[in-house]
Amino acid sequence: MFVAKVIGNVWATRKHPGLKNATMLLVKAVDPLNGNKLVGEAQLAIDGQGAGVGDTVLIVDEGGSARKILKNSKAPVRTVIAGIVDKVHITGKE
């Protein structure tokens, strides 16, 4: 799991039947120890929480867990948004 920022929307006119009603978002990991600086490569994530561009989110990057969150054992999914983060508090930092 990791914390990320939603940086964009993804639309597909054709997709696997297991993704029929899925909302796809583009996310990029953030470094909470470095002022939430964006790090790494952007990734496609299926939205399981109603997130939108600009939201900070909790990402699950493991297929079996992602499919459980979506309640779809046949969905070809690896990365899913499992939560919308309100705040990250690190002891000794504000």
PDB file of N, CA and C in Angstrom:
ATOM      1  N   MET A   1       0.844  -1.180   0.000  1.00  0.00           N
ATOM      2  CA  MET A   1       0.000   0.000   0.000  1.00  0.00           C
ATOM      3  C   MET A   1       0.886   1.238   0.000  1.00  0.00           C
ATOM      4  N   PHE A   2       0.356   2.289  -0.615  1.00  0.00           N
ATOM      5  CA  PHE A   2       1.077   3.553  -0.590  1.00  0.00           C
ATOM      6  C   PHE A   2       0.101   4.712  -0.752  1.00  0.00           C
ATOM      7  N   VAL A   3       0.577   5.903  -0.425  1.00  0.00           N
ATOM      8  CA  VAL A   3      -0.221   7.117  -0.548  1.00  0.00           C
ATOM      9  C   VAL A   3       0.101   7.751  -1.894  1.00  0.00           C
ATOM     10  N   ALA A   4      -0.942   8.244  -2.573  1.00  0.00           N
ATOM     11  CA  ALA A   4      -0.760   8.832  -3.902  1.00  0.00           C
ATOM     12  C   ALA A   4      -1.689  10.021  -4.080  1.00  0.00           C
ATOM     13  N   LYS A   5      -1.439  10.770  -5.139  1.00  0.00           N
ATOM     14  CA  LYS A   5      -2.289  11.893  -5.529  1.00  0.00           C
ATOM     15  C   LYS A   5      -2.930  11.531  -6.866  1.00  0.00           C
ATOM     16  N   VAL A   6      -4.245  11.787  -6.980  1.00  0.00           N
ATOM     17  CA  VAL A   6      -4.932  11.574  -8.257  1.00  0.00           C
ATOM     18  C   VAL A   6      -4.571  12.747  -9.159  1.00  0.00           C
ATOM     19  N   ILE A   7      -3.969  12.435 -10.323  1.00  0.00           N
ATOM     20  CA  ILE A   7      -3.501  13.493 -11.218  1.00  0.00           C
ATOM     21  C   ILE A   7      -4.275  13.555 -12.530  1.00  0.00           C
ATOM     22  N   GLY A   8      -5.192  12.603 -12.750  1.00  0.00           N
ATOM     23  CA  GLY A   8      -5.948  12.647 -13.996  1.00  0.00           C
ATOM     24  C   GLY A   8      -7.005  11.567 -14.091  1.00  0.00           C
ATOM     25  N   ASN A   9      -7.865  11.719 -15.093  1.00  0.00           N
ATOM     26  CA  ASN A   9      -8.903  10.739 -15.409  1.00  0.00           C
ATOM     27  C   ASN A   9      -8.478   9.947 -16.632  1.00  0.00           C
ATOM     28  N   VAL A  10      -8.974   8.728 -16.739  1.00  0.00           N
ATOM     29  CA  VAL A  10      -8.709   7.888 -17.911  1.00  0.00           C
ATOM     30  C   VAL A  10     -10.047   7.378 -18.422  1.00  0.00           C
ATOM     31  N   TRP A  11     -10.293   7.550 -19.709  1.00  0.00           N
ATOM     32  CA  TRP A  11     -11.513   7.043 -20.322  1.00  0.00           C
ATOM     33  C   TRP A  11     -11.153   5.986 -21.345  1.00  0.00           C
ATOM     34  N   ALA A  12     -11.980   4.951 -21.435  1.00  0.00           N
ATOM     35  CA  ALA A  12     -11.777   3.890 -22.422  1.00  0.00           C
ATOM     36  C   ALA A  12     -13.130   3.527 -23.027  1.00  0.00           C
ATOM     37  N   THR A  13     -13.224   3.590 -24.345  1.00  0.00           N
ATOM     38  CA  THR A  13     -14.482   3.225 -24.994  1.00  0.00           C
ATOM     39  C   THR A  13     -14.642   1.716 -25.072  1.00  0.00           C
ATOM     40  N   ARG A  14     -13.538   1.007 -25.018  1.00  0.00           N
ATOM     41  CA  ARG A  14     -13.554  -0.455 -24.992  1.00  0.00           C
ATOM     42  C   ARG A  14     -12.711  -0.919 -23.825  1.00  0.00           C
ATOM     43  N   LYS A  15     -13.281  -1.839 -23.042  1.00  0.00           N
ATOM     44  CA  LYS A  15     -12.516  -2.400 -21.935  1.00  0.00           C
ATOM     45  C   LYS A  15     -13.065  -3.767 -21.568  1.00  0.00           C
ATOM     46  N   HIS A  16     -12.286  -4.511 -20.810  1.00  0.00           N
ATOM     47  CA  HIS A  16     -12.660  -5.849 -20.356  1.00  0.00           C
ATOM     48  C   HIS A  16     -14.018  -5.788 -19.654  1.00  0.00           C
ATOM     49  N   PRO A  17     -14.867  -6.812 -19.838  1.00  0.00           N
ATOM     50  CA  PRO A  17     -16.173  -6.816 -19.177  1.00  0.00           C
ATOM     51  C   PRO A  17     -16.095  -6.671 -17.651  1.00  0.00           C
ATOM     52  N   GLY A  18     -15.014  -7.127 -17.046  1.00  0.00           N
ATOM     53  CA  GLY A  18     -14.844  -6.996 -15.599  1.00  0.00           C
ATOM     54  C   GLY A  18     -14.625  -5.559 -15.150  1.00  0.00           C
ATOM     55  N   LEU A  19     -14.382  -4.670 -16.108  1.00  0.00           N
ATOM     56  CA  LEU A  19     -14.166  -3.253 -15.808  1.00  0.00           C
ATOM     57  C   LEU A  19     -15.319  -2.389 -16.314  1.00  0.00           C
ATOM     58  N   LYS A  20     -16.437  -3.024 -16.635  1.00  0.00           N
ATOM     59  CA  LYS A  20     -17.560  -2.346 -17.294  1.00  0.00           C
ATOM     60  C   LYS A  20     -17.963  -1.029 -16.637  1.00  0.00           C
ATOM     61  N   ASN A  21     -18.182  -1.015 -15.364  1.00  0.00           N
ATOM     62  CA  ASN A  21     -18.620   0.209 -14.680  1.00  0.00           C
ATOM     63  C   ASN A  21     -17.519   0.853 -13.841  1.00  0.00           C
ATOM     64  N   ALA A  22     -16.286   0.456 -14.082  1.00  0.00           N
ATOM     65  CA  ALA A  22     -15.167   0.946 -13.271  1.00  0.00           C
ATOM     66  C   ALA A  22     -14.732   2.344 -13.709  1.00  0.00           C
ATOM     67  N   THR A  23     -14.419   3.174 -12.726  1.00  0.00           N
ATOM     68  CA  THR A  23     -13.827   4.484 -12.983  1.00  0.00           C
ATOM     69  C   THR A  23     -12.316   4.329 -12.894  1.00  0.00           C
ATOM     70  N   MET A  24     -11.621   4.801 -13.927  1.00  0.00           N
ATOM     71  CA  MET A  24     -10.170   4.677 -13.974  1.00  0.00           C
ATOM     72  C   MET A  24      -9.539   6.051 -13.759  1.00  0.00           C
ATOM     73  N   LEU A  25      -8.561   6.095 -12.871  1.00  0.00           N
ATOM     74  CA  LEU A  25      -7.872   7.342 -12.561  1.00  0.00           C
ATOM     75  C   LEU A  25      -6.367   7.151 -12.678  1.00  0.00           C
ATOM     76  N   LEU A  26      -5.676   8.230 -12.992  1.00  0.00           N
ATOM     77  CA  LEU A  26      -4.222   8.225 -13.046  1.00  0.00           C
ATOM     78  C   LEU A  26      -3.712   8.764 -11.717  1.00  0.00           C
ATOM     79  N   VAL A  27      -2.828   8.002 -11.070  1.00  0.00           N
ATOM     80  CA  VAL A  27      -2.303   8.393  -9.758  1.00  0.00           C
ATOM     81  C   VAL A  27      -0.780   8.399  -9.787  1.00  0.00           C
ATOM     82  N   LYS A  28      -0.211   9.170  -8.884  1.00  0.00           N
ATOM     83  CA  LYS A  28       1.241   9.203  -8.730  1.00  0.00           C
ATOM     84  C   LYS A  28       1.545   9.198  -7.243  1.00  0.00           C
ATOM     85  N   ALA A  29       2.476   8.347  -6.834  1.00  0.00           N
ATOM     86  CA  ALA A  29       2.844   8.234  -5.418  1.00  0.00           C
ATOM     87  C   ALA A  29       3.345   9.570  -4.888  1.00  0.00           C
ATOM     88  N   VAL A  30       3.119   9.791  -3.592  1.00  0.00           N
ATOM     89  CA  VAL A  30       3.645  10.981  -2.923  1.00  0.00           C
ATOM     90  C   VAL A  30       4.557  10.545  -1.788  1.00  0.00           C
ATOM     91  N   ASP A  31       5.493  11.417  -1.455  1.00  0.00           N
ATOM     92  CA  ASP A  31       6.406  11.173  -0.338  1.00  0.00           C
ATOM     93  C   ASP A  31       5.972  12.036   0.836  1.00  0.00           C
ATOM     94  N   PRO A  32       5.235  11.457   1.816  1.00  0.00           N
ATOM     95  CA  PRO A  32       4.751  12.256   2.936  1.00  0.00           C
ATOM     96  C   PRO A  32       5.871  12.814   3.812  1.00  0.00           C
ATOM     97  N   LEU A  33       7.071  12.255   3.719  1.00  0.00           N
ATOM     98  CA  LEU A  33       8.208  12.754   4.500  1.00  0.00           C
ATOM     99  C   LEU A  33       8.888  13.937   3.824  1.00  0.00           C
ATOM    100  N   ASN A  34       8.473  14.237   2.596  1.00  0.00           N
ATOM    101  CA  ASN A  34       9.107  15.305   1.822  1.00  0.00           C
ATOM    102  C   ASN A  34       8.039  16.251   1.265  1.00  0.00           C
ATOM    103  N   GLY A  35       7.103  16.669   2.117  1.00  0.00           N
ATOM    104  CA  GLY A  35       6.095  17.643   1.706  1.00  0.00           C
ATOM    105  C   GLY A  35       5.118  17.143   0.664  1.00  0.00           C
ATOM    106  N   ASN A  36       4.871  15.845   0.649  1.00  0.00           N
ATOM    107  CA  ASN A  36       3.960  15.224  -0.323  1.00  0.00           C
ATOM    108  C   ASN A  36       4.399  15.432  -1.769  1.00  0.00           C
ATOM    109  N   LYS A  37       5.711  15.494  -1.968  1.00  0.00           N
ATOM    110  CA  LYS A  37       6.271  15.615  -3.313  1.00  0.00           C
ATOM    111  C   LYS A  37       5.895  14.380  -4.128  1.00  0.00           C
ATOM    112  N   LEU A  38       5.471  14.589  -5.386  1.00  0.00           N
ATOM    113  CA  LEU A  38       5.161  13.473  -6.278  1.00  0.00           C
ATOM    114  C   LEU A  38       6.442  12.731  -6.627  1.00  0.00           C
ATOM    115  N   VAL A  39       6.377  11.407  -6.577  1.00  0.00           N
ATOM    116  CA  VAL A  39       7.552  10.578  -6.860  1.00  0.00           C
ATOM    117  C   VAL A  39       7.156   9.406  -7.750  1.00  0.00           C
ATOM    118  N   GLY A  40       8.121   8.876  -8.476  1.00  0.00           N
ATOM    119  CA  GLY A  40       7.892   7.675  -9.266  1.00  0.00           C
ATOM    120  C   GLY A  40       7.068   7.920 -10.514  1.00  0.00           C
ATOM    121  N   GLU A  41       6.648   6.807 -11.107  1.00  0.00           N
ATOM    122  CA  GLU A  41       5.880   6.824 -12.350  1.00  0.00           C
ATOM    123  C   GLU A  41       4.385   6.909 -12.062  1.00  0.00           C
ATOM    124  N   ALA A  42       3.650   7.528 -12.958  1.00  0.00           N
ATOM    125  CA  ALA A  42       2.191   7.544 -12.847  1.00  0.00           C
ATOM    126  C   ALA A  42       1.660   6.139 -13.102  1.00  0.00           C
ATOM    127  N   GLN A  43       0.566   5.799 -12.421  1.00  0.00           N
ATOM    128  CA  GLN A  43      -0.053   4.479 -12.568  1.00  0.00           C
ATOM    129  C   GLN A  43      -1.552   4.630 -12.756  1.00  0.00           C
ATOM    130  N   LEU A  44      -2.137   3.688 -13.457  1.00  0.00           N
ATOM    131  CA  LEU A  44      -3.583   3.617 -13.602  1.00  0.00           C
ATOM    132  C   LEU A  44      -4.141   2.873 -12.402  1.00  0.00           C
ATOM    133  N   ALA A  45      -5.184   3.414 -11.785  1.00  0.00           N
ATOM    134  CA  ALA A  45      -5.822   2.755 -10.643  1.00  0.00           C
ATOM    135  C   ALA A  45      -7.331   2.769 -10.842  1.00  0.00           C
ATOM    136  N   ILE A  46      -7.967   1.683 -10.450  1.00  0.00           N
ATOM    137  CA  ILE A  46      -9.422   1.618 -10.471  1.00  0.00           C
ATOM    138  C   ILE A  46      -9.920   2.265  -9.186  1.00  0.00           C
ATOM    139  N   ASP A  47     -10.911   3.138  -9.322  1.00  0.00           N
ATOM    140  CA  ASP A  47     -11.425   3.866  -8.164  1.00  0.00           C
ATOM    141  C   ASP A  47     -12.502   3.060  -7.464  1.00  0.00           C
ATOM    142  N   GLY A  48     -12.264   2.767  -6.193  1.00  0.00           N
ATOM    143  CA  GLY A  48     -13.248   2.057  -5.398  1.00  0.00           C
ATOM    144  C   GLY A  48     -13.885   2.928  -4.333  1.00  0.00           C
ATOM    145  N   GLN A  49     -13.611   4.256  -4.363  1.00  0.00           N
ATOM    146  CA  GLN A  49     -14.056   5.123  -3.270  1.00  0.00           C
ATOM    147  C   GLN A  49     -14.692   6.443  -3.695  1.00  0.00           C
ATOM    148  N   GLY A  50     -14.785   6.716  -4.960  1.00  0.00           N
ATOM    149  CA  GLY A  50     -15.351   7.994  -5.397  1.00  0.00           C
ATOM    150  C   GLY A  50     -14.356   9.137  -5.358  1.00  0.00           C
ATOM    151  N   ALA A  51     -13.089   8.844  -5.589  1.00  0.00           N
ATOM    152  CA  ALA A  51     -12.034   9.863  -5.577  1.00  0.00           C
ATOM    153  C   ALA A  51     -12.092  10.700  -6.852  1.00  0.00           C
ATOM    154  N   GLY A  52     -11.398  11.833  -6.816  1.00  0.00           N
ATOM    155  CA  GLY A  52     -11.320  12.699  -7.981  1.00  0.00           C
ATOM    156  C   GLY A  52      -9.956  13.344  -8.088  1.00  0.00           C
ATOM    157  N   VAL A  53      -9.740  14.034  -9.190  1.00  0.00           N
ATOM    158  CA  VAL A  53      -8.463  14.702  -9.428  1.00  0.00           C
ATOM    159  C   VAL A  53      -8.165  15.647  -8.269  1.00  0.00           C
ATOM    160  N   GLY A  54      -6.936  15.564  -7.761  1.00  0.00           N
ATOM    161  CA  GLY A  54      -6.491  16.392  -6.646  1.00  0.00           C
ATOM    162  C   GLY A  54      -6.584  15.708  -5.299  1.00  0.00           C
ATOM    163  N   ASP A  55      -7.358  14.624  -5.208  1.00  0.00           N
ATOM    164  CA  ASP A  55      -7.480  13.907  -3.936  1.00  0.00           C
ATOM    165  C   ASP A  55      -6.200  13.146  -3.607  1.00  0.00           C
ATOM    166  N   THR A  56      -5.899  13.050  -2.322  1.00  0.00           N
ATOM    167  CA  THR A  56      -4.846  12.178  -1.824  1.00  0.00           C
ATOM    168  C   THR A  56      -5.523  10.867  -1.460  1.00  0.00           C
ATOM    169  N   VAL A  57      -4.955   9.757  -1.932  1.00  0.00           N
ATOM    170  CA  VAL A  57      -5.630   8.466  -1.801  1.00  0.00           C
ATOM    171  C   VAL A  57      -4.690   7.383  -1.290  1.00  0.00           C
ATOM    172  N   LEU A  58      -5.293   6.322  -0.779  1.00  0.00           N
ATOM    173  CA  LEU A  58      -4.566   5.135  -0.343  1.00  0.00           C
ATOM    174  C   LEU A  58      -4.686   4.101  -1.449  1.00  0.00           C
ATOM    175  N   ILE A  59      -3.541   3.624  -1.937  1.00  0.00           N
ATOM    176  CA  ILE A  59      -3.499   2.691  -3.056  1.00  0.00           C
ATOM    177  C   ILE A  59      -3.132   1.298  -2.572  1.00  0.00           C
ATOM    178  N   VAL A  60      -3.881   0.312  -3.046  1.00  0.00           N
ATOM    179  CA  VAL A  60      -3.518  -1.095  -2.873  1.00  0.00           C
ATOM    180  C   VAL A  60      -2.981  -1.552  -4.219  1.00  0.00           C
ATOM    181  N   ASP A  61      -1.759  -2.050  -4.229  1.00  0.00           N
ATOM    182  CA  ASP A  61      -1.098  -2.450  -5.475  1.00  0.00           C
ATOM    183  C   ASP A  61      -0.823  -3.949  -5.443  1.00  0.00           C
ATOM    184  N   GLU A  62      -1.881  -4.727  -5.387  1.00  0.00           N
ATOM    185  CA  GLU A  62      -1.783  -6.189  -5.349  1.00  0.00           C
ATOM    186  C   GLU A  62      -3.115  -6.726  -5.844  1.00  0.00           C
ATOM    187  N   GLY A  63      -3.069  -7.538  -6.883  1.00  0.00           N
ATOM    188  CA  GLY A  63      -4.273  -7.974  -7.574  1.00  0.00           C
ATOM    189  C   GLY A  63      -5.353  -8.624  -6.739  1.00  0.00           C
ATOM    190  N   GLY A  64      -4.988  -9.597  -5.895  1.00  0.00           N
ATOM    191  CA  GLY A  64      -5.993 -10.303  -5.105  1.00  0.00           C
ATOM    192  C   GLY A  64      -6.746  -9.371  -4.175  1.00  0.00           C
ATOM    193  N   SER A  65      -6.025  -8.509  -3.489  1.00  0.00           N
ATOM    194  CA  SER A  65      -6.663  -7.550  -2.582  1.00  0.00           C
ATOM    195  C   SER A  65      -7.495  -6.539  -3.360  1.00  0.00           C
ATOM    196  N   ALA A  66      -6.988  -6.111  -4.510  1.00  0.00           N
ATOM    197  CA  ALA A  66      -7.727  -5.151  -5.337  1.00  0.00           C
ATOM    198  C   ALA A  66      -9.064  -5.736  -5.771  1.00  0.00           C
ATOM    199  N   ARG A  67      -9.065  -6.976  -6.200  1.00  0.00           N
ATOM    200  CA  ARG A  67     -10.313  -7.618  -6.634  1.00  0.00           C
ATOM    201  C   ARG A  67     -11.292  -7.782  -5.474  1.00  0.00           C
ATOM    202  N   LYS A  68     -10.784  -8.044  -4.267  1.00  0.00           N
ATOM    203  CA  LYS A  68     -11.665  -8.146  -3.091  1.00  0.00           C
ATOM    204  C   LYS A  68     -12.321  -6.803  -2.788  1.00  0.00           C
ATOM    205  N   ILE A  69     -11.568  -5.721  -2.882  1.00  0.00           N
ATOM    206  CA  ILE A  69     -12.121  -4.391  -2.631  1.00  0.00           C
ATOM    207  C   ILE A  69     -13.231  -4.088  -3.631  1.00  0.00           C
ATOM    208  N   LEU A  70     -13.018  -4.473  -4.879  1.00  0.00           N
ATOM    209  CA  LEU A  70     -14.012  -4.222  -5.927  1.00  0.00           C
ATOM    210  C   LEU A  70     -15.139  -5.252  -5.925  1.00  0.00           C
ATOM    211  N   LYS A  71     -14.986  -6.313  -5.128  1.00  0.00           N
ATOM    212  CA  LYS A  71     -15.968  -7.406  -5.058  1.00  0.00           C
ATOM    213  C   LYS A  71     -16.213  -8.021  -6.435  1.00  0.00           C
ATOM    214  N   ASN A  72     -15.102  -8.230  -7.166  1.00  0.00           N
ATOM    215  CA  ASN A  72     -15.179  -8.815  -8.500  1.00  0.00           C
ATOM    216  C   ASN A  72     -13.952  -9.704  -8.699  1.00  0.00           C
ATOM    217  N   SER A  73     -14.116 -11.003  -8.482  1.00  0.00           N
ATOM    218  CA  SER A  73     -12.986 -11.933  -8.533  1.00  0.00           C
ATOM    219  C   SER A  73     -12.431 -12.130  -9.939  1.00  0.00           C
ATOM    220  N   LYS A  74     -13.133 -11.676 -10.954  1.00  0.00           N
ATOM    221  CA  LYS A  74     -12.678 -11.867 -12.331  1.00  0.00           C
ATOM    222  C   LYS A  74     -12.112 -10.600 -12.977  1.00  0.00           C
ATOM    223  N   ALA A  75     -12.155  -9.493 -12.273  1.00  0.00           N
ATOM    224  CA  ALA A  75     -11.659  -8.236 -12.842  1.00  0.00           C
ATOM    225  C   ALA A  75     -10.141  -8.296 -13.026  1.00  0.00           C
ATOM    226  N   PRO A  76      -9.648  -7.871 -14.195  1.00  0.00           N
ATOM    227  CA  PRO A  76      -8.207  -7.858 -14.443  1.00  0.00           C
ATOM    228  C   PRO A  76      -7.568  -6.609 -13.826  1.00  0.00           C
ATOM    229  N   VAL A  77      -7.492  -6.597 -12.501  1.00  0.00           N
ATOM    230  CA  VAL A  77      -7.074  -5.396 -11.774  1.00  0.00           C
ATOM    231  C   VAL A  77      -5.898  -5.714 -10.866  1.00  0.00           C
ATOM    232  N   ARG A  78      -4.965  -4.795 -10.806  1.00  0.00           N
ATOM    233  CA  ARG A  78      -3.860  -4.905  -9.861  1.00  0.00           C
ATOM    234  C   ARG A  78      -3.871  -3.741  -8.873  1.00  0.00           C
ATOM    235  N   THR A  79      -4.184  -2.541  -9.356  1.00  0.00           N
ATOM    236  CA  THR A  79      -4.080  -1.344  -8.537  1.00  0.00           C
ATOM    237  C   THR A  79      -5.457  -0.716  -8.338  1.00  0.00           C
ATOM    238  N   VAL A  80      -5.815  -0.472  -7.074  1.00  0.00           N
ATOM    239  CA  VAL A  80      -7.134   0.082  -6.761  1.00  0.00           C
ATOM    240  C   VAL A  80      -7.009   1.154  -5.678  1.00  0.00           C
ATOM    241  N   ILE A  81      -7.880   2.149  -5.752  1.00  0.00           N
ATOM    242  CA  ILE A  81      -7.957   3.165  -4.707  1.00  0.00           C
ATOM    243  C   ILE A  81      -8.824   2.600  -3.594  1.00  0.00           C
ATOM    244  N   ALA A  82      -8.214   2.412  -2.420  1.00  0.00           N
ATOM    245  CA  ALA A  82      -8.902   1.785  -1.288  1.00  0.00           C
ATOM    246  C   ALA A  82      -9.415   2.804  -0.284  1.00  0.00           C
ATOM    247  N   GLY A  83      -8.967   4.052  -0.374  1.00  0.00           N
ATOM    248  CA  GLY A  83      -9.423   5.066   0.565  1.00  0.00           C
ATOM    249  C   GLY A  83      -9.018   6.457   0.119  1.00  0.00           C
ATOM    250  N   ILE A  84      -9.746   7.447   0.623  1.00  0.00           N
ATOM    251  CA  ILE A  84      -9.405   8.849   0.398  1.00  0.00           C
ATOM    252  C   ILE A  84      -8.803   9.364   1.699  1.00  0.00           C
ATOM    253  N   VAL A  85      -7.590   9.888   1.611  1.00  0.00           N
ATOM    254  CA  VAL A  85      -6.828  10.306   2.794  1.00  0.00           C
ATOM    255  C   VAL A  85      -7.165  11.755   3.132  1.00  0.00           C
ATOM    256  N   ASP A  86      -7.582  11.971   4.382  1.00  0.00           N
ATOM    257  CA  ASP A  86      -7.864  13.333   4.845  1.00  0.00           C
ATOM    258  C   ASP A  86      -6.597  14.033   5.315  1.00  0.00           C
ATOM    259  N   LYS A  87      -5.747  13.293   6.030  1.00  0.00           N
ATOM    260  CA  LYS A  87      -4.544  13.900   6.595  1.00  0.00           C
ATOM    261  C   LYS A  87      -3.537  12.811   6.909  1.00  0.00           C
ATOM    262  N   VAL A  88      -2.269  13.140   6.742  1.00  0.00           N
ATOM    263  CA  VAL A  88      -1.179  12.266   7.175  1.00  0.00           C
ATOM    264  C   VAL A  88      -0.442  13.014   8.275  1.00  0.00           C
ATOM    265  N   HIS A  89      -0.340  12.401   9.449  1.00  0.00           N
ATOM    266  CA  HIS A  89       0.387  13.018  10.559  1.00  0.00           C
ATOM    267  C   HIS A  89       1.613  12.167  10.851  1.00  0.00           C
ATOM    268  N   ILE A  90       2.768  12.795  10.821  1.00  0.00           N
ATOM    269  CA  ILE A  90       4.021  12.118  11.130  1.00  0.00           C
ATOM    270  C   ILE A  90       4.545  12.728  12.422  1.00  0.00           C
ATOM    271  N   THR A  91       4.760  11.899  13.425  1.00  0.00           N
ATOM    272  CA  THR A  91       5.219  12.377  14.724  1.00  0.00           C
ATOM    273  C   THR A  91       6.475  13.228  14.555  1.00  0.00           C
ATOM    274  N   GLY A  92       6.444  14.424  15.126  1.00  0.00           N
ATOM    275  CA  GLY A  92       7.583  15.325  15.043  1.00  0.00           C
ATOM    276  C   GLY A  92       7.523  16.264  13.853  1.00  0.00           C
ATOM    277  N   LYS A  93       6.535  16.084  12.961  1.00  0.00           N
ATOM    278  CA  LYS A  93       6.385  16.960  11.790  1.00  0.00           C
ATOM    279  C   LYS A  93       4.942  17.420  11.721  1.00  0.00           C
ATOM    280  N   GLU A  94       4.716  18.549  11.139  1.00  0.00           N
ATOM    281  CA  GLU A  94       3.348  19.056  10.997  1.00  0.00           C
ATOM    282  C   GLU A  94       3.131  19.585   9.620  1.00  0.00           C
TER     283      GLU A  94
END
